[in-house]
Protein backbone atom coordinates (compact mmCIF):
# COMPACT_ATOMS: atom_id res chain seq x y z
CA MET A 1 54.21 81.73 83.16
CA LYS A 2 55.95 81.99 79.84
CA HIS A 3 59.64 82.97 79.80
CA ASN A 4 60.98 83.39 76.31
CA ILE A 5 64.69 83.53 77.14
CA SER A 6 65.98 83.30 73.58
CA PHE A 7 63.77 86.21 72.64
CA PHE A 8 65.19 88.16 75.56
CA VAL A 9 68.77 87.59 74.37
CA ALA A 10 67.98 88.67 70.81
CA LEU A 11 66.18 91.68 72.18
CA ILE A 12 69.12 92.78 74.30
CA CYS A 13 71.59 92.39 71.46
CA PHE A 14 69.63 93.92 68.63
CA SER A 15 66.24 95.46 69.34
CA MET A 16 65.75 97.05 72.72
CA SER A 17 65.30 100.76 73.13
CA ALA A 18 64.62 103.44 75.70
CA HIS A 19 65.55 106.92 76.69
CA ALA A 20 66.79 107.14 80.25
CA GLN A 21 67.70 110.65 81.27
CA THR A 22 71.14 109.58 82.50
CA LEU A 23 72.16 108.34 79.04
CA PRO A 24 74.22 110.88 77.09
CA TYR A 25 73.16 112.42 73.81
CA GLU A 26 75.53 111.85 70.88
CA GLY A 27 75.64 114.19 67.93
CA PRO A 28 74.98 114.48 65.14
CA ASN A 29 71.87 112.49 65.93
CA LEU A 30 71.94 110.66 62.59
CA ASN A 31 74.76 109.16 60.51
CA ARG A 32 77.87 110.18 62.47
CA LYS A 33 80.92 109.81 60.26
CA VAL A 34 84.05 107.81 61.09
CA ARG A 35 86.33 110.43 59.54
CA ASN A 36 84.95 113.06 61.90
CA LEU A 37 85.07 110.77 64.94
CA GLY A 38 88.77 110.18 64.34
CA MET A 39 89.47 113.91 64.41
CA GLY A 40 87.57 114.80 67.56
CA ASN A 41 84.10 114.74 65.94
CA VAL A 42 84.59 118.20 64.44
CA GLY A 43 82.68 119.02 61.28
CA VAL A 44 80.70 122.23 61.65
CA SER A 45 83.45 124.47 60.25
CA LEU A 46 85.21 122.07 57.85
CA SER A 47 85.13 122.32 54.07
CA GLY A 48 82.14 120.34 52.90
CA GLN A 49 82.56 116.63 52.15
CA HIS A 50 80.20 114.56 50.00
CA ASP A 51 79.35 112.07 52.73
CA SER A 52 79.15 114.33 55.82
CA ALA A 53 78.08 117.87 54.92
CA ALA A 54 74.35 117.13 55.04
CA PHE A 55 74.67 115.87 58.64
CA TYR A 56 77.26 118.19 60.21
CA ASN A 57 76.64 121.48 58.39
CA PRO A 58 74.56 121.56 55.18
CA ALA A 59 76.11 124.92 54.22
CA GLY A 60 79.24 122.91 53.39
CA LEU A 61 77.48 121.54 50.29
CA ASN A 62 78.33 124.87 48.70
CA ASP A 63 82.05 123.96 48.87
CA LEU A 64 81.72 120.93 46.58
CA LYS A 65 82.95 120.96 42.98
CA LYS A 66 81.49 117.80 41.44
CA GLY A 67 78.75 115.24 41.97
CA LYS A 68 79.14 111.79 43.51
CA PHE A 69 76.94 108.70 43.91
CA GLN A 70 77.48 106.50 46.98
CA PHE A 71 75.72 103.22 47.66
CA PHE A 72 75.62 100.68 50.48
CA SER A 73 77.99 102.53 52.78
CA PRO A 74 78.04 100.57 56.08
CA THR A 75 79.36 102.02 59.34
CA PHE A 76 79.93 100.07 62.55
CA GLU A 77 80.78 101.25 66.07
CA LEU A 78 81.49 99.06 69.10
CA SER A 79 82.44 99.87 72.66
CA LYS A 80 85.46 98.04 74.03
CA SER A 81 83.37 96.00 76.48
CA PHE A 82 80.57 95.01 74.09
CA PHE A 83 81.85 91.49 73.38
CA ASP A 84 82.15 90.84 77.12
CA LEU A 85 78.51 91.90 77.44
CA VAL A 86 77.39 89.40 74.79
CA SER A 87 79.22 86.59 76.59
CA GLU A 88 77.76 87.54 79.96
CA ILE A 89 74.23 87.70 78.53
CA GLN A 90 74.70 84.18 77.18
CA ASP A 91 75.80 83.04 80.65
CA LEU A 92 72.79 84.76 82.23
CA THR A 93 70.46 83.03 79.78
CA ASP A 94 71.87 79.61 80.67
CA GLU A 95 71.61 80.29 84.39
CA ILE A 96 67.98 81.40 84.15
CA LYS A 97 67.12 78.35 82.05
CA ASP A 98 68.72 76.05 84.62
CA ALA A 99 67.24 77.82 87.66
CA ASN A 100 64.85 75.76 89.80
CA ASN A 101 62.79 78.65 91.14
CA ASP A 102 62.32 82.42 91.02
CA ALA A 103 64.81 82.92 93.85
CA ASP A 104 67.56 81.31 91.76
CA LYS A 105 66.58 83.42 88.75
CA THR A 106 66.66 86.58 90.85
CA ARG A 107 70.09 85.68 92.19
CA ALA A 108 71.39 85.07 88.64
CA PHE A 109 70.04 88.43 87.48
CA ASN A 110 71.54 90.27 90.45
CA ASP A 111 74.91 88.57 89.92
CA PHE A 112 74.82 89.68 86.27
CA LEU A 113 74.18 93.28 87.33
CA SER A 114 76.84 93.14 90.03
CA ALA A 115 79.48 91.97 87.55
CA ARG A 116 78.68 94.85 85.18
CA THR A 117 78.15 97.65 87.69
CA GLY A 118 79.66 100.85 86.34
CA GLN A 119 79.81 99.59 82.74
CA TYR A 120 78.47 101.40 79.68
CA ASP A 121 78.06 99.52 76.39
CA HIS A 122 77.44 100.85 72.89
CA VAL A 123 76.92 99.40 69.43
CA ARG A 124 75.87 101.10 66.21
CA ALA A 125 75.19 99.92 62.67
CA SER A 126 74.42 102.43 59.94
CA PHE A 127 73.75 101.73 56.28
CA GLU A 128 73.57 104.60 53.81
CA LEU A 129 71.75 102.65 51.13
CA ILE A 130 72.10 105.20 48.35
CA SER A 131 72.93 108.89 48.07
CA TYR A 132 73.76 111.53 45.50
CA THR A 133 75.64 114.68 46.44
CA ARG A 134 76.82 117.61 44.34
CA LYS A 135 77.41 121.31 44.81
CA ASN A 136 74.49 122.79 46.75
CA PHE A 137 72.42 119.59 46.84
CA ALA A 138 72.26 116.17 48.51
CA VAL A 139 69.64 113.42 48.73
CA GLY A 140 69.81 109.93 50.20
CA LEU A 141 68.21 107.06 52.08
CA LEU A 142 69.72 105.47 55.18
CA PHE A 143 69.11 103.20 58.17
CA ASP A 144 70.83 104.00 61.46
CA GLU A 145 70.54 101.77 64.55
CA ARG A 146 72.18 102.74 67.86
CA ILE A 147 72.02 100.76 71.12
CA ASP A 148 73.32 101.93 74.49
CA MET A 149 73.18 99.97 77.75
CA SER A 150 74.07 101.48 81.12
CA PHE A 151 74.78 99.58 84.33
CA ARG A 152 76.06 102.60 86.26
CA ASP A 153 73.16 103.22 88.65
CA GLN A 154 72.52 100.23 90.92
CA SER A 155 70.40 101.91 93.59
CA PHE A 156 68.04 99.03 92.79
CA PRO A 157 68.56 95.99 90.50
CA HIS A 158 68.06 97.23 86.94
CA PHE A 159 69.79 98.48 83.83
CA GLU A 160 68.96 101.18 81.31
CA VAL A 161 68.70 100.69 77.58
CA ARG A 162 68.30 103.15 74.74
CA ASN A 163 67.97 102.34 71.08
CA LEU A 164 67.29 104.74 68.24
CA GLY A 165 66.46 102.78 65.11
CA ASP A 166 65.87 105.34 62.37
CA VAL A 167 64.93 104.96 58.73
CA SER A 168 65.37 108.34 57.07
CA MET A 169 65.27 109.91 53.66
CA TYR A 170 67.14 113.19 53.68
CA VAL A 171 67.34 116.09 51.26
CA ALA A 172 69.67 119.06 51.69
CA GLY A 173 70.42 122.26 49.83
CA ALA A 174 72.81 125.20 50.08
CA TYR A 175 73.50 128.59 48.54
CA ASP A 176 76.15 131.29 48.93
CA PHE A 177 76.18 135.08 48.97
CA TRP A 178 79.02 137.51 48.31
CA GLU A 179 81.38 134.85 46.93
CA GLN A 180 81.01 132.51 49.92
CA LEU A 181 81.36 135.20 52.55
CA LEU A 182 78.04 133.75 53.69
CA GLN A 183 76.97 130.19 52.91
CA VAL A 184 73.55 128.93 53.99
CA GLY A 185 72.30 125.35 54.03
CA ILE A 186 69.34 123.33 55.26
CA THR A 187 68.71 119.60 55.68
CA LEU A 188 65.27 117.99 55.94
CA ARG A 189 65.14 114.50 57.47
CA PRO A 190 61.70 112.84 57.49
CA THR A 191 62.34 109.90 59.81
CA VAL A 192 60.53 106.78 60.99
CA ARG A 193 61.82 105.70 64.40
CA PHE A 194 61.64 102.23 65.94
CA ALA A 195 61.89 102.56 69.72
CA LEU A 196 60.36 101.43 72.98
CA ASP A 197 58.17 103.89 74.82
CA GLN A 198 60.10 106.06 77.24
CA GLU A 199 58.11 104.55 80.11
CA ASP A 200 59.73 101.18 79.30
CA GLU A 201 63.27 102.52 79.57
CA ILE A 202 64.34 100.77 82.77
CA ILE A 203 64.67 96.98 82.62
CA THR A 204 64.18 94.94 85.80
CA LEU A 205 63.78 91.24 86.48
CA SER A 206 59.99 91.61 86.46
CA ASP A 207 60.14 92.84 82.85
CA ILE A 208 61.98 89.68 81.85
CA LEU A 209 60.06 87.10 83.90
CA GLY A 210 56.68 88.79 84.36
CA ASP A 211 53.52 88.31 82.29
CA ASP A 212 50.86 90.74 81.12
CA ALA A 213 47.09 90.17 81.37
CA GLN A 214 47.14 88.05 78.20
CA GLY A 215 49.88 85.76 79.51
CA ASN A 216 52.62 87.21 77.31
CA SER A 217 55.94 88.22 78.83
CA LEU A 218 56.09 91.92 79.65
CA ILE A 219 59.22 92.53 77.64
CA GLU A 220 57.74 90.79 74.60
CA THR A 221 54.64 92.99 74.80
CA GLN A 222 56.78 96.12 75.06
CA VAL A 223 58.82 95.20 72.02
CA LYS A 224 55.77 94.39 69.90
CA LYS A 225 54.72 98.01 70.31
CA VAL A 226 57.92 99.06 68.55
CA TYR A 227 56.63 97.64 65.28
CA GLN A 228 52.92 98.20 65.83
CA GLU A 229 53.14 101.96 66.33
CA THR A 230 54.48 104.32 63.67
CA ARG A 231 56.73 106.98 65.18
CA PHE A 232 57.35 109.70 62.64
CA GLY A 233 59.33 112.90 63.10
CA MET A 234 60.80 115.62 60.90
CA GLY A 235 64.34 116.69 61.65
CA VAL A 236 65.40 120.09 60.32
CA ASP A 237 69.00 121.34 60.42
CA LEU A 238 70.18 124.86 59.57
CA GLY A 239 73.81 125.57 58.75
CA LEU A 240 75.87 128.69 58.13
CA LYS A 241 79.47 128.99 56.95
CA SER A 242 81.83 131.75 55.91
CA ASN A 243 85.18 131.86 54.14
CA LEU A 244 86.01 135.00 56.19
CA SER A 245 87.18 136.71 53.02
CA PHE A 246 87.21 140.13 54.70
CA LEU A 247 90.43 139.02 56.44
CA GLU A 248 92.20 138.97 53.08
CA ASP A 249 92.20 142.77 53.08
CA PHE A 250 94.30 142.81 56.25
CA VAL A 251 96.61 139.78 55.93
CA PRO A 252 96.42 138.64 52.28
CA GLU A 253 99.38 136.22 52.29
CA LEU A 254 98.43 134.60 55.59
CA TYR A 255 94.81 134.31 54.48
CA LYS A 256 95.78 132.42 51.32
CA LYS A 257 98.03 130.06 53.26
CA LEU A 258 95.49 129.23 55.97
CA ASN A 259 92.15 129.35 54.12
CA PRO A 260 90.22 130.06 57.35
CA GLN A 261 86.54 129.15 57.70
CA ALA A 262 83.85 129.59 60.32
CA GLY A 263 80.75 127.46 60.78
CA PHE A 264 77.50 127.41 62.74
CA SER A 265 74.84 124.70 62.90
CA TRP A 266 71.43 124.42 64.56
CA GLN A 267 70.43 120.78 64.41
CA ASP A 268 67.01 119.24 65.09
CA ILE A 269 65.36 122.64 65.32
CA GLY A 270 62.52 122.58 67.83
CA SER A 271 63.47 119.11 69.16
CA PRO A 272 61.33 116.94 66.84
CA SER A 273 58.97 114.58 68.63
CA PHE A 274 58.56 110.86 67.96
CA GLY A 275 55.40 110.21 69.95
CA ALA A 276 55.94 108.04 73.01
CA GLY A 277 59.46 107.24 71.82
CA PRO A 278 62.61 109.28 72.52
CA ASP A 279 62.79 112.74 70.97
CA ASN A 280 65.83 114.48 69.48
CA PRO A 281 67.20 117.43 71.46
CA GLN A 282 68.06 120.49 69.41
CA ILE A 283 71.78 121.19 69.28
CA ILE A 284 73.67 124.43 68.57
CA SER A 285 77.34 124.22 67.58
CA MET A 286 79.98 126.51 66.06
CA GLY A 287 83.66 126.51 65.24
CA LEU A 288 86.67 127.70 63.26
CA SER A 289 89.02 125.81 60.94
CA ILE A 290 92.13 126.42 58.83
CA GLU A 291 93.65 124.42 55.95
CA PRO A 292 97.41 125.04 55.74
CA SER A 293 99.59 123.01 53.38
CA LEU A 294 102.98 121.66 54.46
CA TRP A 295 105.33 119.94 52.02
CA ILE A 296 103.14 117.47 50.10
CA LEU A 297 100.54 117.31 52.86
CA ASP A 298 97.16 119.02 52.86
CA ASN A 299 96.11 119.70 56.44
CA THR A 300 92.96 120.65 58.29
CA PHE A 301 92.81 121.94 61.86
CA ALA A 302 89.54 122.81 63.61
CA VAL A 303 88.34 123.97 67.02
CA GLU A 304 84.62 123.69 67.70
CA MET A 305 82.09 123.94 70.50
CA ARG A 306 79.23 121.43 70.22
CA ASP A 307 76.06 121.13 72.33
CA MET A 308 76.41 124.78 73.30
CA ASN A 309 72.77 125.02 74.42
CA LEU A 310 72.92 121.95 76.69
CA PRO A 311 73.84 122.06 80.41
CA ARG A 312 77.17 120.26 79.99
CA PRO A 313 80.66 121.12 81.30
CA PHE A 314 82.89 123.19 79.03
CA LEU A 315 85.30 120.32 78.41
CA SER A 316 82.44 118.07 77.28
CA LYS A 317 81.52 120.65 74.64
CA LEU A 318 85.05 121.19 73.31
CA HIS A 319 86.15 119.40 70.12
CA ILE A 320 89.54 119.80 68.40
CA GLY A 321 90.61 117.98 65.25
CA LEU A 322 93.64 117.61 62.96
CA GLU A 323 93.86 115.78 59.63
CA SER A 324 96.86 115.41 57.29
CA ARG A 325 96.31 114.04 53.78
CA LEU A 326 98.57 112.87 50.98
CA PRO A 327 97.81 114.11 47.44
CA LYS A 328 94.43 112.96 46.07
CA ASP A 329 93.51 111.99 49.65
CA ILE A 330 94.90 108.51 49.08
CA LEU A 331 95.91 108.36 52.75
CA ALA A 332 94.76 110.50 55.68
CA LEU A 333 95.93 110.50 59.30
CA ARG A 334 93.73 112.02 62.00
CA LEU A 335 94.04 113.13 65.61
CA GLY A 336 91.56 114.83 67.86
CA LEU A 337 90.33 115.82 71.28
CA SER A 338 86.65 115.13 71.88
CA GLU A 339 84.91 115.86 75.18
CA GLY A 340 88.29 115.83 76.93
CA TYR A 341 89.48 112.52 75.44
CA PHE A 342 91.91 111.79 72.61
CA SER A 343 90.84 110.23 69.32
CA THR A 344 92.68 108.99 66.28
CA GLY A 345 91.79 107.73 62.83
CA LEU A 346 92.98 106.59 59.43
CA GLY A 347 91.48 106.95 55.96
CA ILE A 348 92.33 105.26 52.65
CA ASP A 349 90.76 106.40 49.37
CA LEU A 350 91.15 104.03 46.44
CA GLY A 351 88.88 105.89 44.06
CA LEU A 352 85.79 103.70 43.81
CA VAL A 353 86.19 102.51 47.41
CA SER A 354 87.22 104.36 50.56
CA ILE A 355 87.82 102.91 54.02
CA ASP A 356 87.93 104.79 57.33
CA GLY A 357 88.72 103.66 60.85
CA ALA A 358 88.71 105.48 64.17
CA LEU A 359 89.42 104.92 67.84
CA TYR A 360 87.74 107.41 70.15
CA ILE A 361 86.36 107.83 73.66
CA ASN A 362 82.86 109.13 74.40
CA GLU A 363 81.92 110.84 77.67
CA ILE A 364 79.12 108.81 79.30
CA GLY A 365 77.98 111.55 81.65
CA ARG A 366 74.94 113.41 80.36
CA ASN A 367 75.24 116.66 82.33
CA THR A 368 78.39 115.98 84.36
CA ARG A 369 81.80 114.45 83.70
CA GLU A 370 81.85 110.82 84.82
CA ALA A 371 83.97 108.50 82.65
CA GLY A 372 84.91 107.70 79.08
CA SER A 373 83.67 104.80 76.94
CA MET A 374 86.32 103.61 74.45
CA ARG A 375 84.94 102.75 71.03
CA PHE A 376 86.08 101.44 67.67
CA ALA A 377 84.48 102.61 64.43
CA THR A 378 84.90 101.66 60.79
CA ASN A 379 83.26 102.53 57.49
CA ILE A 380 83.52 101.43 53.88
CA SER A 381 82.04 103.49 51.04
CA PHE A 382 81.39 102.51 47.45
CA LYS A 383 81.13 105.50 45.13
CA ILE A 384 80.91 106.59 41.53
């Protein structure tokens, strides 16, 4: 029997994937932005930004004034307990190597699960390799890898793993009618996904120690399929926005001070399929935002409902965000409420380079409220 333990460790840390139904969906599905995460993950109703409009609401591309190139823009997210997980996996590896028999290996595996019962771990690495965005148009190429591991259900010894490793080229366009009373946008995302089959979503000791008919470890065989099978899907997002200009006829001074906006997005229309791998659920979201100025600060406040078509509690759908910016956006402070949990963030724009950081909590319950997973996120963007 062949037990490739080092391969198992690398797999856990970087490559494994599955789609267990208890694992929560996180939106947008591709290229979530640190700025938005810091302010409650709002974005549907905000004025369009070069780096986020194509993914939150493509109609926002119509708000832009000038073009911008961005290249090699890395984003990283980590759950608070992720480093503990890495250490415990290393300990598990050593114990299995030193075990004298299968009973000792089983005991080591069960002890590992017992120590992590109730935990939920998350890591994400996204690289927007190159993009160009201007008024009414955006195009880019990116790689987005997300890994989630759940140890919550221990009705039998196992854990659940989901990874969505996507390589995507996206193109987006927008147009307005009646002087932005109605703005319409669409994003096309042809995507190649690297993922385990859904049937391989639950990992047990037999997956790690067992062999297939050819004598290869089961988990090694499952992972080989990730790279042997091409999983292609086409994501399509539709976005609508409005500057609500009809309100100016009733409250002209207040309208000019608040600059209200409304937004609607329908993401992953039709729930694009990726073969035997995990699919993307379609998501409907909408919201309202205002942009009042105070002293030297430019401010944005938004209230949005995300995942409106999913069977989730009201609080898990509610997102509220606030951002205050110094002139030229050199410094931005952010606060938010996302899925019932507070978030905060900071942004620094130095012209050719911008840096964003966020601390937020993600609800780990898929259809019910269970607990929050604290996460740290950071991004650096190089632009021209």
